Protein backbone atom coordinates (compact mmCIF):
# COMPACT_ATOMS: atom_id res chain seq x y z
CA UNK A 1 36.07 61.11 38.44
CA UNK A 2 38.01 58.99 35.93
CA UNK A 3 35.69 56.01 36.53
CA UNK A 4 32.56 58.12 36.13
CA UNK A 5 33.84 59.28 32.74
CA UNK A 6 34.58 55.65 31.71
CA UNK A 7 31.08 54.53 32.82
CA UNK A 8 29.12 57.34 31.09
CA UNK A 9 31.29 57.07 27.94
CA UNK A 10 31.00 53.32 27.61
CA UNK A 11 27.23 53.08 28.34
CA UNK A 12 25.86 56.10 26.50
CA UNK A 13 28.38 58.01 24.35
CA UNK A 14 30.51 55.20 22.84
CA UNK A 15 27.98 52.38 23.15
CA UNK A 16 29.62 49.22 21.97
CA UNK A 17 26.71 48.28 19.66
CA UNK A 18 25.15 51.59 18.61
CA UNK A 19 28.26 53.74 18.21
CA UNK A 20 31.09 51.23 17.58
CA UNK A 21 29.01 48.62 15.73
CA UNK A 22 30.48 45.67 17.61
CA UNK A 23 28.18 42.80 18.61
CA UNK A 24 25.61 43.35 15.90
CA UNK A 25 24.95 39.61 15.36
CA UNK A 26 23.40 39.03 18.83
CA UNK A 27 21.89 42.50 18.80
CA UNK A 28 19.77 41.53 15.74
CA UNK A 29 19.50 37.82 16.38
CA UNK A 30 18.42 37.61 20.04
CA UNK A 31 16.43 40.79 20.24
CA UNK A 32 12.97 39.45 19.46
CA UNK A 33 12.01 38.90 23.09
CA UNK A 34 12.95 40.90 26.16
CA UNK A 35 13.44 37.83 28.34
CA UNK A 36 15.86 36.29 25.85
CA UNK A 37 17.68 39.58 25.48
CA UNK A 38 18.13 39.92 29.20
CA UNK A 39 19.53 36.39 29.40
CA UNK A 40 21.93 37.16 26.57
CA UNK A 41 22.92 40.42 28.20
CA UNK A 42 23.69 38.53 31.41
CA UNK A 43 25.78 35.92 29.60
CA UNK A 44 27.66 38.58 27.64
CA UNK A 45 28.25 40.56 30.83
CA UNK A 46 29.77 37.52 32.58
CA UNK A 47 31.94 36.65 29.67
CA UNK A 48 33.00 40.18 28.90
CA UNK A 49 34.05 41.03 32.51
CA UNK A 50 35.88 37.76 33.18
CA UNK A 51 37.47 37.82 29.69
CA UNK A 52 38.74 41.36 30.30
CA UNK A 53 40.28 40.49 33.57
CA UNK A 54 41.96 37.35 32.31
CA UNK A 55 43.15 38.92 29.07
CA UNK A 56 44.47 41.97 30.95
CA UNK A 57 46.56 39.71 33.23
CA UNK A 58 47.73 37.64 30.28
CA UNK A 59 48.69 40.71 28.29
CA UNK A 60 50.59 42.31 31.17
CA UNK A 61 52.31 39.33 32.69
CA UNK A 62 52.76 36.94 29.81
CA UNK A 63 52.48 38.52 26.34
CA UNK A 64 54.20 41.83 27.13
CA UNK A 65 56.65 40.32 29.61
CA UNK A 66 57.93 37.76 27.08
CA UNK A 67 57.67 40.06 24.07
CA UNK A 68 54.98 38.07 22.30
CA UNK A 69 52.37 40.73 22.15
CA UNK A 70 51.75 39.73 18.52
CA UNK A 71 49.89 36.69 19.96
CA UNK A 72 47.28 38.99 21.57
CA UNK A 73 44.37 38.32 19.25
CA UNK A 74 44.65 34.51 19.20
CA UNK A 75 45.20 34.38 22.98
CA UNK A 76 42.24 36.55 23.65
CA UNK A 77 39.98 34.46 21.33
CA UNK A 78 41.04 31.23 23.15
CA UNK A 79 40.21 32.83 26.54
CA UNK A 80 36.83 33.98 25.33
CA UNK A 81 35.98 30.57 23.75
CA UNK A 82 36.87 28.86 26.98
CA UNK A 83 34.70 31.23 29.05
CA UNK A 84 31.75 30.77 26.70
CA UNK A 85 31.99 27.00 27.13
CA UNK A 86 31.93 27.55 30.93
CA UNK A 87 28.84 29.72 30.60
CA UNK A 88 27.16 27.17 28.40
CA UNK A 89 27.82 24.36 30.92
CA UNK A 90 26.60 26.49 33.80
CA UNK A 91 23.36 27.55 31.92
CA UNK A 92 22.64 23.99 30.87
CA UNK A 93 22.65 22.93 34.52
CA UNK A 94 21.16 25.96 36.18
CA UNK A 95 18.56 27.20 33.64
CA UNK A 96 17.74 24.77 30.87
CA UNK A 97 14.90 27.01 29.68
CA UNK A 98 17.33 29.97 29.19
CA UNK A 99 19.81 27.63 27.54
CA UNK A 100 17.16 26.54 25.05
CA UNK A 101 15.90 30.15 24.50
CA UNK A 102 19.46 31.36 23.69
CA UNK A 103 19.94 28.40 21.35
CA UNK A 104 22.53 28.98 18.64
CA UNK A 105 23.32 32.47 19.91
CA UNK A 106 25.04 31.25 23.09
CA UNK A 107 28.01 29.71 21.18
CA UNK A 108 28.01 32.83 19.04
CA UNK A 109 29.26 34.76 22.06
CA UNK A 110 32.54 33.08 21.21
CA UNK A 111 32.70 35.08 18.00
CA UNK A 112 30.93 38.12 19.41
CA UNK A 113 33.33 40.90 18.43
CA UNK A 114 32.01 43.08 21.25
CA UNK A 115 33.68 40.77 23.86
CA UNK A 116 36.92 40.67 21.93
CA UNK A 117 36.72 44.32 21.15
CA UNK A 118 36.32 45.36 24.82
CA UNK A 119 39.27 43.20 25.89
CA UNK A 120 41.49 44.71 23.10
CA UNK A 121 40.26 48.27 23.75
CA UNK A 122 41.04 47.99 27.46
CA UNK A 123 44.66 47.11 26.55
CA UNK A 124 44.89 49.78 23.81
CA UNK A 125 43.61 52.50 26.18
CA UNK A 126 46.30 51.49 28.61
CA UNK A 127 43.87 51.10 31.52
CA UNK A 128 44.98 49.50 34.74
CA UNK A 129 43.17 46.43 36.06
CA UNK A 130 40.45 48.36 37.96
CA UNK A 131 39.81 50.72 35.05
CA UNK A 132 39.63 47.71 32.71
CA UNK A 133 37.04 46.01 34.97
CA UNK A 134 34.92 49.24 35.13
CA UNK A 135 35.30 49.57 31.33
CA UNK A 136 34.14 46.01 30.77
CA UNK A 137 31.21 46.28 33.16
CA UNK A 138 30.16 49.55 31.60
CA UNK A 139 30.34 48.24 28.10
CA UNK A 140 28.37 45.14 29.16
CA UNK A 141 25.74 47.37 30.69
CA UNK A 142 25.64 49.46 27.50
CA UNK A 143 25.35 46.28 25.43
CA UNK A 144 22.53 45.04 27.66
CA UNK A 145 20.75 48.43 27.60
CA UNK A 146 20.85 48.56 23.80
CA UNK A 147 19.81 44.90 23.48
CA UNK A 148 16.88 45.11 25.92
CA UNK A 149 15.61 48.46 24.61
CA UNK A 150 15.76 47.15 21.09
CA UNK A 151 13.93 43.97 22.12
CA UNK A 152 11.22 46.03 23.80
CA UNK A 153 10.82 48.03 20.62
CA UNK A 154 10.64 44.89 18.51
CA UNK A 155 8.01 43.37 20.77
CA UNK A 156 5.94 46.56 20.42
CA UNK A 157 6.42 46.48 16.59
CA UNK A 158 4.65 43.14 16.54
CA UNK A 159 1.51 44.99 17.69
CA UNK A 160 1.72 47.66 15.05
CA UNK A 161 0.48 47.43 11.49
CA UNK A 162 3.66 47.52 9.41
CA UNK A 163 3.68 47.43 5.62
CA UNK A 164 4.38 43.95 4.22
CA UNK A 165 7.68 44.94 2.58
CA UNK A 166 9.09 46.43 5.84
CA UNK A 167 8.19 43.53 8.15
CA UNK A 168 11.00 41.61 9.90
CA UNK A 169 14.59 42.60 9.30
CA UNK A 170 14.00 45.81 7.30
CA UNK A 171 11.97 47.55 10.00
CA UNK A 172 14.37 46.18 12.67
CA UNK A 173 17.30 47.84 10.88
CA UNK A 174 15.43 51.15 10.58
CA UNK A 175 14.56 51.02 14.32
CA UNK A 176 18.21 50.10 15.15
CA UNK A 177 19.33 53.12 13.20
CA UNK A 178 16.89 55.37 15.02
CA UNK A 179 18.08 53.98 18.35
CA UNK A 180 21.69 54.71 17.34
CA UNK A 181 20.62 58.26 16.51
CA UNK A 182 18.92 58.63 19.86
CA UNK A 183 22.17 57.56 21.63
CA UNK A 184 24.14 60.12 19.53
CA UNK A 185 22.26 62.71 21.66
CA UNK A 186 24.59 61.75 24.54
CA UNK A 187 27.71 62.70 22.51
CA UNK A 188 28.30 66.00 24.29
CA UNK A 189 28.27 64.46 27.85
CA UNK A 190 32.00 63.59 27.94
């Protein structure tokens, strides 16, 4: 039952983008096409899950064991940066088209506060390794759900007659706010 609460809470109630406002840069930057958003969601999922596992183990067996927990943030950032480099190398070899589509936003995963936030939140919530992994996967799914839904809405907005002053970023921010309000409807679930 604990895992179900973690999953529902992370995906719907406390969505990392729409409720906690982490990861806004890729949310707004990569969300113009559903295909690109799905690729970014996959890359963020991989980095978020692996980073949470590695940072959990580092926190428990190195930082806490040696009393250097104050090094948590810098250690976590180094782990995330290394993982992003790994994803970049893999994407360049496996899917050059996706690598080109993600462009500048792939290296931005390094500074994506959603990835760092999930790793730190898993430690702060005192989850064990399995709960941390479920938490990371659920947050990655929530991030992907928000990103792909928003991308679909933005693709649809290109077909609609929008006033000149609202085109582009202004209407995107309004729609993002409405999407966040829609997700607030899940607040009573857990």
